[in-house]
Amino acid sequence: MDTKIDLSYLREVTGDDNDIIQEMLELFINDTPQALKGLQEKYEASDWDSVRAEAHKIKPSFMFVGLQNCHNKLTSIENNAREKTNLEQIQEELNAVSDEFNDVKDEISGVIKELNS
């Protein structure tokens, strides 16, 4: 199976502790949809300080699962919201992050099941 995620960084920072890895992946799967929804709502409200803060808060979790592209897009969202520049680009990047998250949810759920068995 072609994998989109890379857990090598997560394995490194957890000392390859499967229990911690499983817990972090479960948090990622459970918390990210609400975080992305909140980010979208803050964008729609033009609340740029909150957009910046929320993007900053959630970007490390994408790094943990090796989604560097999402991490980069969230960094761009954070910077654009801080500087109040390229604001129209934020929606495109937010859509791309949401799409990529949706693309990897099942793969991450599969990894959680493997760790649980």
PDB file of N, CA and C in Angstrom:
ATOM      1  N   MET A   1       0.832  -1.178   0.000  1.00  0.00           N
ATOM      2  CA  MET A   1       0.000   0.000   0.000  1.00  0.00           C
ATOM      3  C   MET A   1       0.883   1.251   0.000  1.00  0.00           C
ATOM      4  N   ASP A   2       0.519   2.218  -0.803  1.00  0.00           N
ATOM      5  CA  ASP A   2       1.241   3.476  -0.881  1.00  0.00           C
ATOM      6  C   ASP A   2       0.856   4.344   0.305  1.00  0.00           C
ATOM      7  N   THR A   3       1.843   4.710   1.113  1.00  0.00           N
ATOM      8  CA  THR A   3       1.541   5.493   2.307  1.00  0.00           C
ATOM      9  C   THR A   3       1.797   6.972   2.050  1.00  0.00           C
ATOM     10  N   LYS A   4       0.946   7.784   2.632  1.00  0.00           N
ATOM     11  CA  LYS A   4       1.088   9.228   2.516  1.00  0.00           C
ATOM     12  C   LYS A   4       1.688   9.820   3.776  1.00  0.00           C
ATOM     13  N   ILE A   5       1.634   9.057   4.861  1.00  0.00           N
ATOM     14  CA  ILE A   5       2.168   9.570   6.117  1.00  0.00           C
ATOM     15  C   ILE A   5       3.547   8.978   6.371  1.00  0.00           C
ATOM     16  N   ASP A   6       4.299   9.636   7.225  1.00  0.00           N
ATOM     17  CA  ASP A   6       5.631   9.188   7.608  1.00  0.00           C
ATOM     18  C   ASP A   6       5.751   9.396   9.116  1.00  0.00           C
ATOM     19  N   LEU A   7       5.820   8.314   9.838  1.00  0.00           N
ATOM     20  CA  LEU A   7       5.834   8.388  11.295  1.00  0.00           C
ATOM     21  C   LEU A   7       7.242   8.399  11.889  1.00  0.00           C
ATOM     22  N   SER A   8       8.263   8.546  11.056  1.00  0.00           N
ATOM     23  CA  SER A   8       9.636   8.466  11.580  1.00  0.00           C
ATOM     24  C   SER A   8       9.917   9.562  12.607  1.00  0.00           C
ATOM     25  N   TYR A   9       9.442  10.780  12.377  1.00  0.00           N
ATOM     26  CA  TYR A   9       9.653  11.861  13.349  1.00  0.00           C
ATOM     27  C   TYR A   9       8.912  11.559  14.656  1.00  0.00           C
ATOM     28  N   LEU A  10       7.677  11.094  14.538  1.00  0.00           N
ATOM     29  CA  LEU A  10       6.888  10.751  15.726  1.00  0.00           C
ATOM     30  C   LEU A  10       7.558   9.616  16.499  1.00  0.00           C
ATOM     31  N   ARG A  11       8.065   8.627  15.774  1.00  0.00           N
ATOM     32  CA  ARG A  11       8.763   7.520  16.438  1.00  0.00           C
ATOM     33  C   ARG A  11      10.016   8.021  17.160  1.00  0.00           C
ATOM     34  N   GLU A  12      10.699   8.971  16.535  1.00  0.00           N
ATOM     35  CA  GLU A  12      11.915   9.517  17.138  1.00  0.00           C
ATOM     36  C   GLU A  12      11.597  10.283  18.424  1.00  0.00           C
ATOM     37  N   VAL A  13      10.603  11.172  18.377  1.00  0.00           N
ATOM     38  CA  VAL A  13      10.321  12.014  19.549  1.00  0.00           C
ATOM     39  C   VAL A  13       9.647  11.244  20.685  1.00  0.00           C
ATOM     40  N   THR A  14       9.044  10.092  20.372  1.00  0.00           N
ATOM     41  CA  THR A  14       8.398   9.295  21.423  1.00  0.00           C
ATOM     42  C   THR A  14       9.283   8.144  21.893  1.00  0.00           C
ATOM     43  N   GLY A  15      10.483   8.036  21.339  1.00  0.00           N
ATOM     44  CA  GLY A  15      11.330   6.898  21.691  1.00  0.00           C
ATOM     45  C   GLY A  15      10.728   5.600  21.200  1.00  0.00           C
ATOM     46  N   ASP A  16       9.961   5.681  20.099  1.00  0.00           N
ATOM     47  CA  ASP A  16       9.309   4.523  19.472  1.00  0.00           C
ATOM     48  C   ASP A  16       8.353   3.817  20.437  1.00  0.00           C
ATOM     49  N   ASP A  17       7.723   4.592  21.315  1.00  0.00           N
ATOM     50  CA  ASP A  17       6.752   4.061  22.275  1.00  0.00           C
ATOM     51  C   ASP A  17       5.386   3.958  21.589  1.00  0.00           C
ATOM     52  N   ASN A  18       4.979   2.734  21.287  1.00  0.00           N
ATOM     53  CA  ASN A  18       3.734   2.526  20.538  1.00  0.00           C
ATOM     54  C   ASN A  18       2.501   3.083  21.243  1.00  0.00           C
ATOM     55  N   ASP A  19       2.483   3.034  22.569  1.00  0.00           N
ATOM     56  CA  ASP A  19       1.334   3.574  23.307  1.00  0.00           C
ATOM     57  C   ASP A  19       1.212   5.086  23.109  1.00  0.00           C
ATOM     58  N   ILE A  20       2.342   5.778  23.191  1.00  0.00           N
ATOM     59  CA  ILE A  20       2.329   7.232  22.998  1.00  0.00           C
ATOM     60  C   ILE A  20       2.003   7.561  21.544  1.00  0.00           C
ATOM     61  N   ILE A  21       2.579   6.814  20.621  1.00  0.00           N
ATOM     62  CA  ILE A  21       2.302   7.036  19.197  1.00  0.00           C
ATOM     63  C   ILE A  21       0.810   6.867  18.934  1.00  0.00           C
ATOM     64  N   GLN A  22       0.240   5.789  19.456  1.00  0.00           N
ATOM     65  CA  GLN A  22      -1.195   5.542  19.267  1.00  0.00           C
ATOM     66  C   GLN A  22      -2.019   6.689  19.839  1.00  0.00           C
ATOM     67  N   GLU A  23      -1.671   7.130  21.040  1.00  0.00           N
ATOM     68  CA  GLU A  23      -2.406   8.226  21.678  1.00  0.00           C
ATOM     69  C   GLU A  23      -2.320   9.515  20.859  1.00  0.00           C
ATOM     70  N   MET A  24      -1.137   9.810  20.359  1.00  0.00           N
ATOM     71  CA  MET A  24      -0.957  11.038  19.575  1.00  0.00           C
ATOM     72  C   MET A  24      -1.711  10.961  18.246  1.00  0.00           C
ATOM     73  N   LEU A  25      -1.713   9.790  17.627  1.00  0.00           N
ATOM     74  CA  LEU A  25      -2.452   9.624  16.371  1.00  0.00           C
ATOM     75  C   LEU A  25      -3.959   9.745  16.608  1.00  0.00           C
ATOM     76  N   GLU A  26      -4.426   9.180  17.717  1.00  0.00           N
ATOM     77  CA  GLU A  26      -5.854   9.298  18.043  1.00  0.00           C
ATOM     78  C   GLU A  26      -6.238  10.757  18.283  1.00  0.00           C
ATOM     79  N   LEU A  27      -5.396  11.491  18.988  1.00  0.00           N
ATOM     80  CA  LEU A  27      -5.648  12.920  19.203  1.00  0.00           C
ATOM     81  C   LEU A  27      -5.681  13.661  17.867  1.00  0.00           C
ATOM     82  N   PHE A  28      -4.757  13.329  16.989  1.00  0.00           N
ATOM     83  CA  PHE A  28      -4.701  13.972  15.673  1.00  0.00           C
ATOM     84  C   PHE A  28      -5.996  13.719  14.893  1.00  0.00           C
ATOM     85  N   ILE A  29      -6.423  12.463  14.854  1.00  0.00           N
ATOM     86  CA  ILE A  29      -7.644  12.095  14.118  1.00  0.00           C
ATOM     87  C   ILE A  29      -8.879  12.744  14.741  1.00  0.00           C
ATOM     88  N   ASN A  30      -8.945  12.773  16.067  1.00  0.00           N
ATOM     89  CA  ASN A  30     -10.138  13.271  16.759  1.00  0.00           C
ATOM     90  C   ASN A  30     -10.208  14.788  16.833  1.00  0.00           C
ATOM     91  N   ASP A  31      -9.067  15.460  17.002  1.00  0.00           N
ATOM     92  CA  ASP A  31      -9.061  16.900  17.249  1.00  0.00           C
ATOM     93  C   ASP A  31      -8.917  17.748  15.988  1.00  0.00           C
ATOM     94  N   THR A  32      -8.279  17.216  14.965  1.00  0.00           N
ATOM     95  CA  THR A  32      -7.990  18.020  13.778  1.00  0.00           C
ATOM     96  C   THR A  32      -9.239  18.494  13.045  1.00  0.00           C
ATOM     97  N   PRO A  33     -10.278  17.670  12.869  1.00  0.00           N
ATOM     98  CA  PRO A  33     -11.465  18.188  12.159  1.00  0.00           C
ATOM     99  C   PRO A  33     -12.056  19.435  12.828  1.00  0.00           C
ATOM    100  N   GLN A  34     -12.146  19.428  14.149  1.00  0.00           N
ATOM    101  CA  GLN A  34     -12.693  20.581  14.857  1.00  0.00           C
ATOM    102  C   GLN A  34     -11.747  21.777  14.753  1.00  0.00           C
ATOM    103  N   ALA A  35     -10.450  21.534  14.811  1.00  0.00           N
ATOM    104  CA  ALA A  35      -9.477  22.622  14.686  1.00  0.00           C
ATOM    105  C   ALA A  35      -9.550  23.263  13.308  1.00  0.00           C
ATOM    106  N   LEU A  36      -9.681  22.441  12.262  1.00  0.00           N
ATOM    107  CA  LEU A  36      -9.792  22.974  10.906  1.00  0.00           C
ATOM    108  C   LEU A  36     -11.100  23.737  10.718  1.00  0.00           C
ATOM    109  N   LYS A  37     -12.162  23.229  11.330  1.00  0.00           N
ATOM    110  CA  LYS A  37     -13.448  23.928  11.269  1.00  0.00           C
ATOM    111  C   LYS A  37     -13.340  25.291  11.965  1.00  0.00           C
ATOM    112  N   GLY A  38     -12.702  25.308  13.119  1.00  0.00           N
ATOM    113  CA  GLY A  38     -12.506  26.561  13.838  1.00  0.00           C
ATOM    114  C   GLY A  38     -11.654  27.539  13.049  1.00  0.00           C
ATOM    115  N   LEU A  39     -10.637  27.025  12.401  1.00  0.00           N
ATOM    116  CA  LEU A  39      -9.781  27.866  11.563  1.00  0.00           C
ATOM    117  C   LEU A  39     -10.590  28.471  10.415  1.00  0.00           C
ATOM    118  N   GLN A  40     -11.449  27.668   9.808  1.00  0.00           N
ATOM    119  CA  GLN A  40     -12.314  28.147   8.728  1.00  0.00           C
ATOM    120  C   GLN A  40     -13.254  29.250   9.235  1.00  0.00           C
ATOM    121  N   GLU A  41     -13.832  29.035  10.396  1.00  0.00           N
ATOM    122  CA  GLU A  41     -14.755  30.026  10.965  1.00  0.00           C
ATOM    123  C   GLU A  41     -14.038  31.338  11.278  1.00  0.00           C
ATOM    124  N   LYS A  42     -12.817  31.232  11.799  1.00  0.00           N
ATOM    125  CA  LYS A  42     -12.044  32.439  12.108  1.00  0.00           C
ATOM    126  C   LYS A  42     -11.663  33.167  10.818  1.00  0.00           C
ATOM    127  N   TYR A  43     -11.369  32.400   9.773  1.00  0.00           N
ATOM    128  CA  TYR A  43     -11.076  33.004   8.469  1.00  0.00           C
ATOM    129  C   TYR A  43     -12.300  33.755   7.951  1.00  0.00           C
ATOM    130  N   GLU A  44     -13.455  33.094   7.990  1.00  0.00           N
ATOM    131  CA  GLU A  44     -14.686  33.711   7.487  1.00  0.00           C
ATOM    132  C   GLU A  44     -15.048  34.971   8.270  1.00  0.00           C
ATOM    133  N   ALA A  45     -14.633  35.033   9.547  1.00  0.00           N
ATOM    134  CA  ALA A  45     -14.901  36.206  10.383  1.00  0.00           C
ATOM    135  C   ALA A  45     -13.795  37.266  10.230  1.00  0.00           C
ATOM    136  N   SER A  46     -12.806  36.980   9.379  1.00  0.00           N
ATOM    137  CA  SER A  46     -11.653  37.880   9.187  1.00  0.00           C
ATOM    138  C   SER A  46     -10.952  38.193  10.513  1.00  0.00           C
ATOM    139  N   ASP A  47     -10.925  37.198  11.395  1.00  0.00           N
ATOM    140  CA  ASP A  47     -10.253  37.333  12.685  1.00  0.00           C
ATOM    141  C   ASP A  47      -8.814  36.842  12.521  1.00  0.00           C
ATOM    142  N   TRP A  48      -7.979  37.724  11.976  1.00  0.00           N
ATOM    143  CA  TRP A  48      -6.640  37.308  11.540  1.00  0.00           C
ATOM    144  C   TRP A  48      -5.747  36.899  12.698  1.00  0.00           C
ATOM    145  N   ASP A  49      -5.879  37.534  13.858  1.00  0.00           N
ATOM    146  CA  ASP A  49      -5.064  37.124  15.002  1.00  0.00           C
ATOM    147  C   ASP A  49      -5.407  35.697  15.428  1.00  0.00           C
ATOM    148  N   SER A  50      -6.699  35.361  15.407  1.00  0.00           N
ATOM    149  CA  SER A  50      -7.115  34.000  15.759  1.00  0.00           C
ATOM    150  C   SER A  50      -6.735  33.000  14.681  1.00  0.00           C
ATOM    151  N   VAL A  51      -6.806  33.404  13.409  1.00  0.00           N
ATOM    152  CA  VAL A  51      -6.362  32.530  12.314  1.00  0.00           C
ATOM    153  C   VAL A  51      -4.883  32.201  12.519  1.00  0.00           C
ATOM    154  N   ARG A  52      -4.076  33.229  12.785  1.00  0.00           N
ATOM    155  CA  ARG A  52      -2.650  33.028  13.007  1.00  0.00           C
ATOM    156  C   ARG A  52      -2.412  32.073  14.178  1.00  0.00           C
ATOM    157  N   ALA A  53      -3.090  32.333  15.294  1.00  0.00           N
ATOM    158  CA  ALA A  53      -2.886  31.517  16.497  1.00  0.00           C
ATOM    159  C   ALA A  53      -3.311  30.069  16.277  1.00  0.00           C
ATOM    160  N   GLU A  54      -4.438  29.869  15.623  1.00  0.00           N
ATOM    161  CA  GLU A  54      -4.938  28.504  15.398  1.00  0.00           C
ATOM    162  C   GLU A  54      -4.026  27.737  14.441  1.00  0.00           C
ATOM    163  N   ALA A  55      -3.583  28.384  13.372  1.00  0.00           N
ATOM    164  CA  ALA A  55      -2.667  27.723  12.431  1.00  0.00           C
ATOM    165  C   ALA A  55      -1.370  27.341  13.148  1.00  0.00           C
ATOM    166  N   HIS A  56      -0.875  28.243  13.983  1.00  0.00           N
ATOM    167  CA  HIS A  56       0.354  27.971  14.737  1.00  0.00           C
ATOM    168  C   HIS A  56       0.158  26.784  15.677  1.00  0.00           C
ATOM    169  N   LYS A  57      -1.012  26.719  16.289  1.00  0.00           N
ATOM    170  CA  LYS A  57      -1.300  25.668  17.272  1.00  0.00           C
ATOM    171  C   LYS A  57      -1.389  24.281  16.638  1.00  0.00           C
ATOM    172  N   ILE A  58      -1.976  24.192  15.447  1.00  0.00           N
ATOM    173  CA  ILE A  58      -2.209  22.851  14.880  1.00  0.00           C
ATOM    174  C   ILE A  58      -1.097  22.360  13.957  1.00  0.00           C
ATOM    175  N   LYS A  59      -0.212  23.241  13.507  1.00  0.00           N
ATOM    176  CA  LYS A  59       0.779  22.783  12.522  1.00  0.00           C
ATOM    177  C   LYS A  59       1.741  21.708  13.029  1.00  0.00           C
ATOM    178  N   PRO A  60       2.138  21.688  14.325  1.00  0.00           N
ATOM    179  CA  PRO A  60       3.051  20.611  14.734  1.00  0.00           C
ATOM    180  C   PRO A  60       2.465  19.209  14.571  1.00  0.00           C
ATOM    181  N   SER A  61       1.158  19.074  14.761  1.00  0.00           N
ATOM    182  CA  SER A  61       0.564  17.739  14.646  1.00  0.00           C
ATOM    183  C   SER A  61       0.706  17.188  13.228  1.00  0.00           C
ATOM    184  N   PHE A  62       0.719  18.061  12.232  1.00  0.00           N
ATOM    185  CA  PHE A  62       0.920  17.598  10.852  1.00  0.00           C
ATOM    186  C   PHE A  62       2.358  17.166  10.633  1.00  0.00           C
ATOM    187  N   MET A  63       3.274  17.802  11.339  1.00  0.00           N
ATOM    188  CA  MET A  63       4.678  17.418  11.254  1.00  0.00           C
ATOM    189  C   MET A  63       4.881  16.028  11.848  1.00  0.00           C
ATOM    190  N   PHE A  64       4.156  15.729  12.943  1.00  0.00           N
ATOM    191  CA  PHE A  64       4.297  14.426  13.602  1.00  0.00           C
ATOM    192  C   PHE A  64       3.967  13.273  12.670  1.00  0.00           C
ATOM    193  N   VAL A  65       3.047  13.484  11.741  1.00  0.00           N
ATOM    194  CA  VAL A  65       2.665  12.395  10.834  1.00  0.00           C
ATOM    195  C   VAL A  65       3.314  12.544   9.462  1.00  0.00           C
ATOM    196  N   GLY A  66       4.290  13.429   9.369  1.00  0.00           N
ATOM    197  CA  GLY A  66       5.075  13.540   8.144  1.00  0.00           C
ATOM    198  C   GLY A  66       4.372  14.263   7.010  1.00  0.00           C
ATOM    199  N   LEU A  67       3.370  15.064   7.320  1.00  0.00           N
ATOM    200  CA  LEU A  67       2.671  15.814   6.282  1.00  0.00           C
ATOM    201  C   LEU A  67       3.304  17.204   6.161  1.00  0.00           C
ATOM    202  N   GLN A  68       4.512  17.211   5.622  1.00  0.00           N
ATOM    203  CA  GLN A  68       5.306  18.437   5.506  1.00  0.00           C
ATOM    204  C   GLN A  68       4.576  19.490   4.670  1.00  0.00           C
ATOM    205  N   ASN A  69       3.894  19.049   3.620  1.00  0.00           N
ATOM    206  CA  ASN A  69       3.170  19.990   2.767  1.00  0.00           C
ATOM    207  C   ASN A  69       2.107  20.747   3.569  1.00  0.00           C
ATOM    208  N   CYS A  70       1.363  20.034   4.405  1.00  0.00           N
ATOM    209  CA  CYS A  70       0.354  20.682   5.254  1.00  0.00           C
ATOM    210  C   CYS A  70       1.015  21.613   6.258  1.00  0.00           C
ATOM    211  N   HIS A  71       2.116  21.169   6.840  1.00  0.00           N
ATOM    212  CA  HIS A  71       2.851  21.998   7.796  1.00  0.00           C
ATOM    213  C   HIS A  71       3.273  23.303   7.115  1.00  0.00           C
ATOM    214  N   ASN A  72       3.780  23.211   5.890  1.00  0.00           N
ATOM    215  CA  ASN A  72       4.206  24.399   5.160  1.00  0.00           C
ATOM    216  C   ASN A  72       3.026  25.326   4.865  1.00  0.00           C
ATOM    217  N   LYS A  73       1.891  24.749   4.487  1.00  0.00           N
ATOM    218  CA  LYS A  73       0.703  25.560   4.195  1.00  0.00           C
ATOM    219  C   LYS A  73       0.198  26.257   5.460  1.00  0.00           C
ATOM    220  N   LEU A  74       0.227  25.558   6.584  1.00  0.00           N
ATOM    221  CA  LEU A  74      -0.194  26.171   7.841  1.00  0.00           C
ATOM    222  C   LEU A  74       0.774  27.276   8.267  1.00  0.00           C
ATOM    223  N   THR A  75       2.060  27.101   7.993  1.00  0.00           N
ATOM    224  CA  THR A  75       3.035  28.162   8.260  1.00  0.00           C
ATOM    225  C   THR A  75       2.726  29.379   7.395  1.00  0.00           C
ATOM    226  N   SER A  76       2.389  29.142   6.136  1.00  0.00           N
ATOM    227  CA  SER A  76       2.024  30.230   5.232  1.00  0.00           C
ATOM    228  C   SER A  76       0.759  30.941   5.714  1.00  0.00           C
ATOM    229  N   ILE A  77      -0.251  30.156   6.132  1.00  0.00           N
ATOM    230  CA  ILE A  77      -1.489  30.742   6.677  1.00  0.00           C
ATOM    231  C   ILE A  77      -1.145  31.605   7.890  1.00  0.00           C
ATOM    232  N   GLU A  78      -0.330  31.067   8.769  1.00  0.00           N
ATOM    233  CA  GLU A  78       0.065  31.790   9.981  1.00  0.00           C
ATOM    234  C   GLU A  78       0.744  33.123   9.620  1.00  0.00           C
ATOM    235  N   ASN A  79       1.692  33.071   8.697  1.00  0.00           N
ATOM    236  CA  ASN A  79       2.429  34.275   8.313  1.00  0.00           C
ATOM    237  C   ASN A  79       1.535  35.288   7.598  1.00  0.00           C
ATOM    238  N   ASN A  80       0.700  34.814   6.681  1.00  0.00           N
ATOM    239  CA  ASN A  80      -0.190  35.721   5.954  1.00  0.00           C
ATOM    240  C   ASN A  80      -1.202  36.375   6.882  1.00  0.00           C
ATOM    241  N   ALA A  81      -1.716  35.617   7.847  1.00  0.00           N
ATOM    242  CA  ALA A  81      -2.667  36.187   8.804  1.00  0.00           C
ATOM    243  C   ALA A  81      -1.968  37.218   9.693  1.00  0.00           C
ATOM    244  N   ARG A  82      -0.739  36.906  10.103  1.00  0.00           N
ATOM    245  CA  ARG A  82       0.018  37.845  10.950  1.00  0.00           C
ATOM    246  C   ARG A  82       0.258  39.154  10.206  1.00  0.00           C
ATOM    247  N   GLU A  83       0.678  39.034   8.933  1.00  0.00           N
ATOM    248  CA  GLU A  83       1.024  40.214   8.144  1.00  0.00           C
ATOM    249  C   GLU A  83      -0.195  40.832   7.444  1.00  0.00           C
ATOM    250  N   LYS A  84      -1.329  40.101   7.494  1.00  0.00           N
ATOM    251  CA  LYS A  84      -2.543  40.522   6.781  1.00  0.00           C
ATOM    252  C   LYS A  84      -2.254  40.749   5.292  1.00  0.00           C
ATOM    253  N   THR A  85      -1.543  39.778   4.712  1.00  0.00           N
ATOM    254  CA  THR A  85      -1.204  39.808   3.291  1.00  0.00           C
ATOM    255  C   THR A  85      -1.682  38.511   2.651  1.00  0.00           C
ATOM    256  N   ASN A  86      -1.892  38.533   1.342  1.00  0.00           N
ATOM    257  CA  ASN A  86      -2.304  37.343   0.591  1.00  0.00           C
ATOM    258  C   ASN A  86      -3.474  36.635   1.269  1.00  0.00           C
ATOM    259  N   LEU A  87      -4.423  37.408   1.752  1.00  0.00           N
ATOM    260  CA  LEU A  87      -5.519  36.827   2.533  1.00  0.00           C
ATOM    261  C   LEU A  87      -6.378  35.874   1.705  1.00  0.00           C
ATOM    262  N   GLU A  88      -6.494  36.125   0.399  1.00  0.00           N
ATOM    263  CA  GLU A  88      -7.276  35.223  -0.455  1.00  0.00           C
ATOM    264  C   GLU A  88      -6.594  33.863  -0.587  1.00  0.00           C
ATOM    265  N   GLN A  89      -5.294  33.839  -0.416  1.00  0.00           N
ATOM    266  CA  GLN A  89      -4.529  32.585  -0.510  1.00  0.00           C
ATOM    267  C   GLN A  89      -4.808  31.680   0.691  1.00  0.00           C
ATOM    268  N   ILE A  90      -5.186  32.274   1.812  1.00  0.00           N
ATOM    269  CA  ILE A  90      -5.429  31.493   3.026  1.00  0.00           C
ATOM    270  C   ILE A  90      -6.514  30.454   2.784  1.00  0.00           C
ATOM    271  N   GLN A  91      -7.595  30.833   2.103  1.00  0.00           N
ATOM    272  CA  GLN A  91      -8.686  29.883   1.850  1.00  0.00           C
ATOM    273  C   GLN A  91      -8.201  28.702   1.013  1.00  0.00           C
ATOM    274  N   GLU A  92      -7.420  28.972  -0.023  1.00  0.00           N
ATOM    275  CA  GLU A  92      -6.887  27.899  -0.871  1.00  0.00           C
ATOM    276  C   GLU A  92      -6.012  26.947  -0.051  1.00  0.00           C
ATOM    277  N   GLU A  93      -5.168  27.517   0.791  1.00  0.00           N
ATOM    278  CA  GLU A  93      -4.269  26.682   1.591  1.00  0.00           C
ATOM    279  C   GLU A  93      -5.047  25.898   2.642  1.00  0.00           C
ATOM    280  N   LEU A  94      -6.042  26.520   3.223  1.00  0.00           N
ATOM    281  CA  LEU A  94      -6.877  25.831   4.205  1.00  0.00           C
ATOM    282  C   LEU A  94      -7.623  24.663   3.554  1.00  0.00           C
ATOM    283  N   ASN A  95      -8.138  24.888   2.355  1.00  0.00           N
ATOM    284  CA  ASN A  95      -8.811  23.805   1.620  1.00  0.00           C
ATOM    285  C   ASN A  95      -7.838  22.662   1.334  1.00  0.00           C
ATOM    286  N   ALA A  96      -6.618  22.991   0.942  1.00  0.00           N
ATOM    287  CA  ALA A  96      -5.618  21.962   0.635  1.00  0.00           C
ATOM    288  C   ALA A  96      -5.265  21.150   1.882  1.00  0.00           C
ATOM    289  N   VAL A  97      -5.122  21.821   3.021  1.00  0.00           N
ATOM    290  CA  VAL A  97      -4.817  21.118   4.278  1.00  0.00           C
ATOM    291  C   VAL A  97      -5.978  20.193   4.649  1.00  0.00           C
ATOM    292  N   SER A  98      -7.203  20.699   4.546  1.00  0.00           N
ATOM    293  CA  SER A  98      -8.384  19.878   4.866  1.00  0.00           C
ATOM    294  C   SER A  98      -8.478  18.670   3.944  1.00  0.00           C
ATOM    295  N   ASP A  99      -8.236  18.874   2.667  1.00  0.00           N
ATOM    296  CA  ASP A  99      -8.289  17.766   1.702  1.00  0.00           C
ATOM    297  C   ASP A  99      -7.238  16.714   2.018  1.00  0.00           C
ATOM    298  N   GLU A 100      -6.027  17.166   2.312  1.00  0.00           N
ATOM    299  CA  GLU A 100      -4.960  16.206   2.604  1.00  0.00           C
ATOM    300  C   GLU A 100      -5.245  15.455   3.904  1.00  0.00           C
ATOM    301  N   PHE A 101      -5.767  16.157   4.907  1.00  0.00           N
ATOM    302  CA  PHE A 101      -6.145  15.481   6.149  1.00  0.00           C
ATOM    303  C   PHE A 101      -7.181  14.401   5.861  1.00  0.00           C
ATOM    304  N   ASN A 102      -8.202  14.747   5.078  1.00  0.00           N
ATOM    305  CA  ASN A 102      -9.246  13.766   4.744  1.00  0.00           C
ATOM    306  C   ASN A 102      -8.674  12.582   3.964  1.00  0.00           C
ATOM    307  N   ASP A 103      -7.648  12.829   3.157  1.00  0.00           N
ATOM    308  CA  ASP A 103      -7.015  11.759   2.376  1.00  0.00           C
ATOM    309  C   ASP A 103      -6.254  10.766   3.254  1.00  0.00           C
ATOM    310  N   VAL A 104      -5.752  11.216   4.399  1.00  0.00           N
ATOM    311  CA  VAL A 104      -4.905  10.338   5.226  1.00  0.00           C
ATOM    312  C   VAL A 104      -5.617   9.782   6.457  1.00  0.00           C
ATOM    313  N   LYS A 105      -6.844  10.227   6.711  1.00  0.00           N
ATOM    314  CA  LYS A 105      -7.556   9.763   7.923  1.00  0.00           C
ATOM    315  C   LYS A 105      -7.622   8.246   8.005  1.00  0.00           C
ATOM    316  N   ASP A 106      -8.011   7.609   6.914  1.00  0.00           N
ATOM    317  CA  ASP A 106      -8.152   6.149   6.930  1.00  0.00           C
ATOM    318  C   ASP A 106      -6.807   5.460   7.149  1.00  0.00           C
ATOM    319  N   GLU A 107      -5.784   5.999   6.522  1.00  0.00           N
ATOM    320  CA  GLU A 107      -4.449   5.415   6.695  1.00  0.00           C
ATOM    321  C   GLU A 107      -4.015   5.504   8.163  1.00  0.00           C
ATOM    322  N   ILE A 108      -4.247   6.647   8.789  1.00  0.00           N
ATOM    323  CA  ILE A 108      -3.880   6.823  10.192  1.00  0.00           C
ATOM    324  C   ILE A 108      -4.722   5.916  11.080  1.00  0.00           C
ATOM    325  N   SER A 109      -6.001   5.794  10.784  1.00  0.00           N
ATOM    326  CA  SER A 109      -6.856   4.875  11.540  1.00  0.00           C
ATOM    327  C   SER A 109      -6.339   3.451  11.442  1.00  0.00           C
ATOM    328  N   GLY A 110      -5.861   3.069  10.272  1.00  0.00           N
ATOM    329  CA  GLY A 110      -5.277   1.731  10.085  1.00  0.00           C
ATOM    330  C   GLY A 110      -4.039   1.529  10.940  1.00  0.00           C
ATOM    331  N   VAL A 111      -3.198   2.554  11.020  1.00  0.00           N
ATOM    332  CA  VAL A 111      -1.995   2.471  11.854  1.00  0.00           C
ATOM    333  C   VAL A 111      -2.386   2.333  13.323  1.00  0.00           C
ATOM    334  N   ILE A 112      -3.406   3.082  13.743  1.00  0.00           N
ATOM    335  CA  ILE A 112      -3.883   2.992  15.132  1.00  0.00           C
ATOM    336  C   ILE A 112      -4.338   1.555  15.433  1.00  0.00           C
ATOM    337  N   LYS A 113      -5.086   0.953  14.502  1.00  0.00           N
ATOM    338  CA  LYS A 113      -5.554  -0.430  14.691  1.00  0.00           C
ATOM    339  C   LYS A 113      -4.389  -1.393  14.791  1.00  0.00           C
ATOM    340  N   GLU A 114      -3.371  -1.192  13.940  1.00  0.00           N
ATOM    341  CA  GLU A 114      -2.187  -2.058  13.991  1.00  0.00           C
ATOM    342  C   GLU A 114      -1.489  -1.934  15.345  1.00  0.00           C
ATOM    343  N   LEU A 115      -1.341  -0.708  15.825  1.00  0.00           N
ATOM    344  CA  LEU A 115      -0.669  -0.493  17.109  1.00  0.00           C
ATOM    345  C   LEU A 115      -1.481  -1.088  18.261  1.00  0.00           C
ATOM    346  N   ASN A 116      -2.775  -1.147  18.077  1.00  0.00           N
ATOM    347  CA  ASN A 116      -3.688  -1.629  19.118  1.00  0.00           C
ATOM    348  C   ASN A 116      -3.754  -3.149  19.179  1.00  0.00           C
ATOM    349  N   SER A 117      -3.266  -3.814  18.138  1.00  0.00           N
ATOM    350  CA  SER A 117      -3.405  -5.278  18.097  1.00  0.00           C
ATOM    351  C   SER A 117      -2.197  -5.992  18.698  1.00  0.00           C
TER     352      SER A 117
END
